[in-house]
Amino acid sequence: MEVAQVADRLGKPAEKYAERYAAWERGAAQPSVSYLEKLAATFKLPIAAFFLPSPPKEPPLPTDYRRRAGAAAGKLGVEAIHAIRRLRSIQGFLYECTEAGLLKRSAAWSVLQKQEALPPKEARTLLGLEFESQRQWTGHYHAFRELRALLESAGVFTIQASLPKGGFAGLSLFDPHVPMILLNRSESTKARVFTMAHELAHLLRGGDSICEPELEPPPRARTRDPERVEQECNQFAAEFLVPTDCFEAELDAAGVPVYEADGTVGDALLAALHNVFSVSKHVILLRLLEQSHINRGDYQQTIESWKTRPEERPAGGRGERTHVRAVHEVGRGIIAIALEAQQAGLITTADVVQMLRVQVGQLDDLMGEVASG
């Protein structure tokens, strides 16, 4: 982080602050306690880190699978690094809870991670995702909540962070006991549903990942390994959310032609099926291609036609009450575990409010929000 950025976070003029900050870094001067607290909040580090003889070493970043027009993705921004630190911190807390017996190790995750090349249909079965329940989902937000809850019940925890769009859409941290997923709230809800399933695929492969899933047709030939991995995770996510047998049955039952009279892929069919499965039309389009109901040219032409449509604005974020934002960011499961750990004396109230980013006076509201389901 540049000195000007730090000054801006502290509300100080950069030209006046730079000299003082440089003196702190050289050890020629020491910040006050209030400044230490502000610096700790800015860098998302504990105050104790500033008293170490050298900066603490951070674990390596997950494998970066992002790409931009065939080139490597850009460097992660400050907000993304802070979100990854928070994810690791919560992962460490959850691991401590398993050691203390407050969080039971999931039998479902133990089975899931031991299955090599687990088919999406079997993953659905192990997670308890039944199609009859899925078709009762009433939209993308409902789908997101249900899928997140299913993963949590299987021991896979998802948190969210509002990051600049274009950085990354999703990230996964593999752990044999506490696997974690991080999603960017700047993405639309329907995109996050797909990214969650995509990151699950990475976790089932036993690896970490930073991703910007791009829904592309299956490759004609073997591609470079990182791209191949991403395409395979996309295919897993698409079939996980839209199982082939259910898809074909609903396609027949829809009674709507695949093509319009003008030869374009029918929007009425895409709308009907995306409502049934609570996924984006893009995912339905990909499944039509994968099942040979359309060709690559029609797929690409449809994608191009969508680029002129207004982009969906993600729900939530600004204007949310703090305890509601906490529920959206870390999920009811993690909040319930944190409150239980506090009552058991494993962590303090200060630890809870720092982890969940709420005020002490908002804990009652937070408990009520979690209890309401």
Protein backbone atom coordinates (compact mmCIF):
# COMPACT_ATOMS: atom_id res chain seq x y z
CA MET A 1 0.00 0.00 0.00
CA GLU A 2 1.39 3.41 -0.98
CA VAL A 3 1.92 6.14 1.63
CA ALA A 4 -0.77 8.27 -0.03
CA GLN A 5 -3.27 5.41 0.31
CA VAL A 6 -2.43 4.94 4.00
CA ALA A 7 -2.79 8.69 4.59
CA ASP A 8 -6.15 8.66 2.85
CA ARG A 9 -7.36 5.78 5.05
CA LEU A 10 -6.27 7.74 8.14
CA GLY A 11 -7.84 10.96 6.88
CA LYS A 12 -4.53 12.82 6.74
CA PRO A 13 -2.99 14.94 3.93
CA ALA A 14 -0.43 12.77 2.13
CA GLU A 15 2.18 15.53 1.86
CA LYS A 16 2.18 16.10 5.64
CA TYR A 17 1.81 12.45 6.58
CA ALA A 18 4.57 11.00 4.34
CA GLU A 19 7.49 12.25 6.43
CA ARG A 20 5.96 11.04 9.68
CA TYR A 21 5.16 7.62 8.20
CA ALA A 22 8.70 7.27 6.81
CA ALA A 23 10.09 8.02 10.28
CA TRP A 24 7.92 5.26 11.75
CA GLU A 25 9.18 2.78 9.16
CA ARG A 26 12.84 3.71 9.88
CA GLY A 27 12.30 3.40 13.61
CA ALA A 28 13.25 7.05 14.11
CA ALA A 29 9.88 7.76 15.72
CA GLN A 30 7.00 5.78 17.20
CA PRO A 31 3.28 6.19 16.50
CA SER A 32 0.86 6.78 19.34
CA VAL A 33 -1.48 4.02 20.51
CA SER A 34 -4.37 5.61 18.63
CA TYR A 35 -2.32 5.65 15.42
CA LEU A 36 -1.30 2.01 15.99
CA GLU A 37 -4.95 1.05 16.26
CA LYS A 38 -5.74 2.92 13.03
CA LEU A 39 -2.77 1.35 11.22
CA ALA A 40 -3.79 -2.11 12.41
CA ALA A 41 -7.30 -1.55 11.06
CA THR A 42 -5.92 -0.20 7.78
CA PHE A 43 -3.57 -3.14 7.16
CA LYS A 44 -5.97 -5.71 8.68
CA LEU A 45 -3.25 -6.90 11.07
CA PRO A 46 -3.17 -7.32 14.87
CA ILE A 47 -1.42 -4.52 16.75
CA ALA A 48 1.15 -7.05 17.97
CA ALA A 49 2.43 -7.40 14.38
CA PHE A 50 3.93 -3.90 14.58
CA PHE A 51 6.19 -4.94 17.48
CA LEU A 52 7.79 -7.87 15.64
CA PRO A 53 11.45 -7.48 14.58
CA SER A 54 10.44 -8.02 10.94
CA PRO A 55 7.15 -8.15 9.01
CA PRO A 56 5.29 -11.45 9.51
CA LYS A 57 5.56 -13.86 6.60
CA GLU A 58 2.29 -14.58 4.86
CA PRO A 59 1.44 -17.94 3.29
CA PRO A 60 1.66 -18.03 -0.51
CA LEU A 61 -1.39 -16.95 -2.46
CA PRO A 62 -3.58 -19.64 -3.99
CA THR A 63 -2.88 -20.77 -7.56
CA ASP A 64 -4.05 -18.03 -9.91
CA TYR A 65 -6.28 -19.37 -12.70
CA ARG A 66 -7.45 -15.97 -13.92
CA ARG A 67 -6.66 -14.80 -17.40
CA ARG A 68 -7.49 -11.85 -19.59
CA ALA A 69 -7.66 -12.54 -23.30
CA GLY A 70 -5.10 -15.30 -22.94
CA ALA A 71 -2.75 -13.23 -20.79
CA ALA A 72 -1.98 -13.45 -17.09
CA ALA A 73 -4.36 -11.60 -14.77
CA GLY A 74 -3.39 -8.42 -13.01
CA LYS A 75 -1.90 -8.13 -9.53
CA LEU A 76 -4.33 -8.45 -6.66
CA GLY A 77 -5.34 -5.16 -5.05
CA VAL A 78 -5.13 -4.18 -1.39
CA GLU A 79 -8.80 -5.01 -0.74
CA ALA A 80 -8.34 -8.52 -2.16
CA ILE A 81 -5.25 -9.17 -0.01
CA HIS A 82 -7.16 -8.01 3.08
CA ALA A 83 -10.10 -10.28 2.18
CA ILE A 84 -7.74 -13.27 1.84
CA ARG A 85 -6.20 -12.45 5.24
CA ARG A 86 -9.67 -12.39 6.75
CA LEU A 87 -10.54 -15.70 5.08
CA ARG A 88 -7.40 -17.33 6.50
CA SER A 89 -8.11 -15.86 9.93
CA ILE A 90 -11.64 -17.27 9.97
CA GLN A 91 -10.34 -20.60 8.68
CA GLY A 92 -7.85 -20.69 11.57
CA PHE A 93 -10.63 -19.88 14.05
CA LEU A 94 -12.83 -22.68 12.69
CA TYR A 95 -9.93 -25.11 12.92
CA GLU A 96 -9.45 -24.15 16.59
CA CYS A 97 -13.16 -24.82 17.09
CA THR A 98 -12.79 -28.32 15.66
CA GLU A 99 -9.86 -28.96 18.01
CA ALA A 100 -11.94 -27.70 20.95
CA GLY A 101 -14.91 -29.88 19.97
CA LEU A 102 -17.24 -26.95 19.22
CA LEU A 103 -17.29 -27.76 15.49
CA LYS A 104 -17.59 -31.37 14.45
CA ARG A 105 -15.56 -32.50 11.47
CA SER A 106 -17.97 -33.15 8.64
CA ALA A 107 -18.40 -36.75 7.58
CA ALA A 108 -19.73 -35.55 4.21
CA TRP A 109 -16.56 -33.54 3.48
CA SER A 110 -14.41 -36.52 4.50
CA VAL A 111 -16.19 -38.61 1.88
CA LEU A 112 -16.23 -35.87 -0.76
CA GLN A 113 -12.51 -35.14 -0.64
CA LYS A 114 -11.52 -38.81 -0.82
CA GLN A 115 -13.38 -39.37 -4.09
CA GLU A 116 -11.05 -38.93 -7.05
CA ALA A 117 -12.73 -37.25 -10.04
CA LEU A 118 -16.07 -37.20 -8.25
CA PRO A 119 -18.92 -36.87 -10.78
CA PRO A 120 -21.22 -33.87 -10.19
CA LYS A 121 -24.24 -36.14 -9.75
CA GLU A 122 -22.55 -37.99 -6.89
CA ALA A 123 -21.50 -34.70 -5.31
CA ARG A 124 -25.15 -33.58 -5.35
CA THR A 125 -26.16 -36.83 -3.65
CA LEU A 126 -23.51 -36.55 -0.94
CA LEU A 127 -24.51 -32.94 -0.28
CA GLY A 128 -28.21 -33.77 -0.20
CA LEU A 129 -29.09 -31.58 -3.16
CA GLU A 130 -32.27 -33.06 -4.63
CA PHE A 131 -33.81 -31.75 -7.82
CA GLU A 132 -37.32 -31.58 -6.37
CA SER A 133 -35.98 -29.24 -3.67
CA GLN A 134 -33.98 -27.23 -6.19
CA ARG A 135 -36.99 -26.57 -8.38
CA GLN A 136 -38.70 -24.97 -5.38
CA TRP A 137 -36.03 -22.27 -5.24
CA THR A 138 -37.61 -18.93 -6.11
CA GLY A 139 -34.69 -17.16 -7.72
CA HIS A 140 -30.97 -16.60 -7.68
CA TYR A 141 -30.77 -15.24 -4.13
CA HIS A 142 -32.78 -18.20 -2.80
CA ALA A 143 -30.49 -20.54 -4.76
CA PHE A 144 -27.43 -18.84 -3.28
CA ARG A 145 -28.69 -19.18 0.29
CA GLU A 146 -29.68 -22.82 -0.13
CA LEU A 147 -26.45 -23.84 -1.82
CA ARG A 148 -24.37 -22.00 0.78
CA ALA A 149 -26.27 -23.75 3.58
CA LEU A 150 -25.80 -27.17 1.95
CA LEU A 151 -22.07 -26.60 1.67
CA GLU A 152 -21.87 -25.40 5.28
CA SER A 153 -23.68 -28.51 6.48
CA ALA A 154 -21.03 -30.54 4.63
CA GLY A 155 -18.20 -28.56 6.26
CA VAL A 156 -17.40 -26.19 3.37
CA PHE A 157 -17.71 -22.56 4.51
CA THR A 158 -18.30 -19.57 2.22
CA ILE A 159 -17.64 -15.94 3.04
CA GLN A 160 -18.10 -12.87 0.86
CA ALA A 161 -16.29 -9.56 0.44
CA SER A 162 -17.17 -6.48 -1.59
CA LEU A 163 -14.16 -6.13 -3.88
CA PRO A 164 -13.56 -4.10 -7.03
CA LYS A 165 -15.12 -5.87 -9.98
CA GLY A 166 -12.57 -7.35 -12.34
CA GLY A 167 -10.17 -8.48 -9.62
CA PHE A 168 -11.43 -11.99 -9.09
CA ALA A 169 -14.83 -13.63 -8.76
CA GLY A 170 -13.98 -16.47 -6.40
CA LEU A 171 -11.22 -18.07 -4.39
CA SER A 172 -10.84 -21.36 -2.54
CA LEU A 173 -8.55 -22.46 0.29
CA PHE A 174 -8.28 -26.23 0.58
CA ASP A 175 -7.97 -27.81 4.00
CA PRO A 176 -8.71 -31.43 4.90
CA HIS A 177 -10.81 -30.24 7.86
CA VAL A 178 -12.01 -26.68 7.12
CA PRO A 179 -12.18 -25.89 3.38
CA MET A 180 -13.14 -22.30 2.56
CA ILE A 181 -14.59 -20.34 -0.36
CA LEU A 182 -14.43 -16.57 -0.85
CA LEU A 183 -16.83 -14.84 -3.25
CA ASN A 184 -16.81 -11.28 -4.58
CA ARG A 185 -20.09 -9.54 -3.70
CA SER A 186 -19.56 -7.12 -6.57
CA GLU A 187 -20.56 -9.95 -8.90
CA SER A 188 -24.26 -10.61 -9.55
CA THR A 189 -25.99 -13.19 -7.38
CA LYS A 190 -26.47 -15.57 -10.33
CA ALA A 191 -22.75 -15.33 -11.10
CA ARG A 192 -21.89 -16.09 -7.47
CA VAL A 193 -24.08 -19.21 -7.53
CA PHE A 194 -22.03 -20.55 -10.42
CA THR A 195 -18.71 -19.44 -8.90
CA MET A 196 -19.55 -21.21 -5.64
CA ALA A 197 -20.04 -24.47 -7.53
CA HIS A 198 -16.89 -23.76 -9.56
CA GLU A 199 -14.81 -23.27 -6.39
CA LEU A 200 -16.28 -26.45 -4.93
CA ALA A 201 -14.85 -28.25 -7.95
CA HIS A 202 -11.40 -26.83 -7.16
CA LEU A 203 -11.69 -27.96 -3.53
CA LEU A 204 -12.66 -31.46 -4.66
CA ARG A 205 -9.45 -31.51 -6.71
CA GLY A 206 -7.55 -30.85 -3.48
CA GLY A 207 -6.13 -27.45 -4.35
CA ASP A 208 -6.40 -23.71 -3.71
CA SER A 209 -7.48 -21.33 -6.46
CA ILE A 210 -8.09 -17.73 -7.48
CA CYS A 211 -10.62 -17.63 -10.31
CA GLU A 212 -12.60 -15.51 -12.70
CA PRO A 213 -14.80 -18.23 -14.26
CA GLU A 214 -15.49 -17.63 -17.94
CA LEU A 215 -18.27 -19.78 -19.32
CA GLU A 216 -16.74 -21.13 -22.48
CA PRO A 217 -17.63 -24.07 -24.69
CA PRO A 218 -15.78 -27.35 -24.07
CA PRO A 219 -12.36 -27.27 -25.80
CA ARG A 220 -11.98 -28.85 -29.22
CA ALA A 221 -8.54 -30.07 -28.24
CA ARG A 222 -6.40 -30.22 -25.12
CA THR A 223 -5.49 -26.71 -23.94
CA ARG A 224 -2.79 -25.44 -21.61
CA ASP A 225 -3.11 -27.01 -18.18
CA PRO A 226 -4.44 -23.99 -16.18
CA GLU A 227 -7.10 -23.34 -18.82
CA ARG A 228 -7.97 -27.02 -18.94
CA VAL A 229 -8.43 -27.08 -15.16
CA GLU A 230 -10.74 -24.06 -15.33
CA GLN A 231 -12.79 -25.57 -18.15
CA GLU A 232 -13.15 -28.82 -16.23
CA CYS A 233 -14.27 -26.92 -13.13
CA ASN A 234 -16.76 -24.98 -15.29
CA GLN A 235 -18.13 -28.22 -16.68
CA PHE A 236 -18.42 -29.67 -13.16
CA ALA A 237 -20.27 -26.54 -11.95
CA ALA A 238 -22.65 -26.53 -14.93
CA GLU A 239 -23.61 -30.18 -14.50
CA PHE A 240 -23.71 -29.88 -10.71
CA LEU A 241 -26.28 -27.08 -10.98
CA VAL A 242 -28.07 -28.50 -14.03
CA PRO A 243 -27.85 -32.33 -14.01
CA THR A 244 -28.06 -33.89 -17.47
CA ASP A 245 -30.99 -36.23 -16.83
CA CYS A 246 -33.08 -33.47 -15.20
CA PHE A 247 -32.09 -31.02 -17.91
CA GLU A 248 -33.19 -33.31 -20.75
CA ALA A 249 -36.47 -34.10 -19.00
CA GLU A 250 -37.25 -30.42 -18.41
CA LEU A 251 -36.23 -29.56 -21.96
CA ASP A 252 -38.77 -32.04 -23.29
CA ALA A 253 -41.43 -30.90 -20.82
CA ALA A 254 -40.97 -27.22 -21.68
CA GLY A 255 -42.55 -27.68 -25.09
CA VAL A 256 -40.63 -24.68 -26.40
CA PRO A 257 -38.46 -24.91 -29.54
CA VAL A 258 -34.70 -24.51 -29.13
CA TYR A 259 -34.57 -22.10 -32.08
CA GLU A 260 -36.75 -19.11 -32.93
CA ALA A 261 -38.19 -18.68 -36.41
CA ASP A 262 -35.26 -16.41 -37.32
CA GLY A 263 -32.73 -19.12 -36.43
CA THR A 264 -31.55 -17.62 -33.13
CA VAL A 265 -31.53 -19.59 -29.89
CA GLY A 266 -34.93 -19.19 -28.26
CA ASP A 267 -34.98 -16.79 -25.33
CA ALA A 268 -38.30 -18.25 -24.15
CA LEU A 269 -36.63 -21.64 -23.70
CA LEU A 270 -33.66 -20.15 -21.90
CA ALA A 271 -35.99 -18.22 -19.58
CA ALA A 272 -38.11 -21.30 -18.84
CA LEU A 273 -35.13 -23.49 -17.96
CA HIS A 274 -33.22 -20.88 -16.00
CA ASN A 275 -36.32 -20.44 -13.82
CA VAL A 276 -36.55 -24.19 -13.24
CA PHE A 277 -32.90 -24.56 -12.16
CA SER A 278 -32.38 -21.05 -10.69
CA VAL A 279 -29.21 -20.49 -12.70
CA SER A 280 -28.27 -17.89 -15.29
CA LYS A 281 -29.36 -18.17 -18.91
CA HIS A 282 -25.67 -18.41 -19.74
CA VAL A 283 -25.42 -21.70 -17.83
CA ILE A 284 -28.48 -23.04 -19.66
CA LEU A 285 -26.95 -21.99 -22.97
CA LEU A 286 -23.75 -23.86 -22.08
CA ARG A 287 -25.72 -26.99 -21.21
CA LEU A 288 -27.54 -26.78 -24.55
CA LEU A 289 -24.17 -26.72 -26.27
CA GLU A 290 -22.69 -29.51 -24.16
CA GLN A 291 -25.69 -31.72 -24.93
CA SER A 292 -25.44 -30.91 -28.69
CA HIS A 293 -28.77 -29.08 -28.91
CA ILE A 294 -26.99 -26.05 -30.42
CA ASN A 295 -23.65 -25.54 -32.14
CA ARG A 296 -20.66 -23.39 -31.20
CA GLY A 297 -21.51 -20.68 -33.67
CA ASP A 298 -25.00 -20.21 -32.24
CA TYR A 299 -23.56 -20.24 -28.73
CA GLN A 300 -21.07 -17.48 -29.51
CA GLN A 301 -23.64 -15.45 -31.44
CA THR A 302 -26.03 -15.54 -28.48
CA ILE A 303 -23.29 -14.47 -26.07
CA GLU A 304 -22.41 -11.53 -28.34
CA SER A 305 -26.05 -10.43 -28.48
CA TRP A 306 -26.20 -10.33 -24.67
CA LYS A 307 -23.27 -7.93 -24.39
CA THR A 308 -25.52 -5.03 -25.37
CA ARG A 309 -27.92 -5.69 -22.48
CA PRO A 310 -27.65 -3.66 -19.24
CA GLU A 311 -25.60 -5.40 -16.57
CA GLU A 312 -27.38 -6.71 -13.50
CA ARG A 313 -26.54 -4.78 -10.35
CA PRO A 314 -25.55 -7.01 -7.41
CA ALA A 315 -27.91 -6.92 -4.45
CA GLY A 316 -26.81 -5.64 -1.04
CA GLY A 317 -23.70 -3.77 -0.01
CA ARG A 318 -24.16 -0.04 0.54
CA GLY A 319 -26.87 0.98 2.94
CA GLU A 320 -27.09 -2.40 4.68
CA ARG A 321 -27.34 -2.43 8.43
CA THR A 322 -24.09 -3.67 9.94
CA HIS A 323 -25.47 -6.90 11.43
CA VAL A 324 -27.24 -7.73 8.16
CA ARG A 325 -24.00 -7.17 6.24
CA ALA A 326 -22.23 -9.51 8.67
CA VAL A 327 -24.76 -12.27 7.93
CA HIS A 328 -24.29 -11.83 4.19
CA GLU A 329 -20.51 -11.74 4.45
CA VAL A 330 -19.72 -14.64 6.80
CA GLY A 331 -22.98 -16.58 6.87
CA ARG A 332 -25.23 -17.73 9.68
CA GLY A 333 -23.19 -20.86 10.32
CA ILE A 334 -19.93 -19.06 11.14
CA ILE A 335 -21.77 -16.44 13.21
CA ALA A 336 -23.47 -19.16 15.28
CA ILE A 337 -20.10 -20.88 15.85
CA ALA A 338 -18.47 -17.57 16.86
CA LEU A 339 -21.22 -16.79 19.39
CA GLU A 340 -21.03 -20.32 20.79
CA ALA A 341 -17.22 -20.02 21.08
CA GLN A 342 -17.67 -16.76 22.96
CA GLN A 343 -20.09 -18.33 25.42
CA ALA A 344 -17.70 -21.26 25.90
CA GLY A 345 -14.83 -18.88 26.67
CA LEU A 346 -12.77 -19.91 23.64
CA ILE A 347 -12.75 -16.32 22.33
CA THR A 348 -13.62 -12.95 23.83
CA THR A 349 -16.37 -10.50 22.92
CA ALA A 350 -13.67 -8.31 21.38
CA ASP A 351 -12.62 -11.25 19.18
CA VAL A 352 -16.22 -11.73 18.02
CA VAL A 353 -16.82 -8.10 17.06
CA GLN A 354 -13.47 -7.95 15.27
CA MET A 355 -14.13 -11.15 13.32
CA LEU A 356 -17.67 -10.22 12.35
CA ARG A 357 -16.98 -6.48 12.01
CA VAL A 358 -19.89 -5.37 14.17
CA GLN A 359 -20.25 -3.28 17.33
CA VAL A 360 -20.82 -4.85 20.75
CA GLY A 361 -24.27 -3.28 20.89
CA GLN A 362 -25.24 -5.05 17.65
CA LEU A 363 -24.60 -8.59 18.93
CA ASP A 364 -28.23 -8.97 20.11
CA ASP A 365 -29.47 -7.94 16.65
CA LEU A 366 -27.02 -10.38 15.12
CA MET A 367 -28.27 -13.24 17.30
CA GLY A 368 -31.83 -12.40 16.30
CA GLU A 369 -30.89 -12.36 12.62
CA VAL A 370 -29.25 -15.78 12.92
CA ALA A 371 -32.16 -17.22 14.90
CA SER A 372 -34.64 -16.03 12.28
CA GLY A 373 -32.94 -18.23 9.68
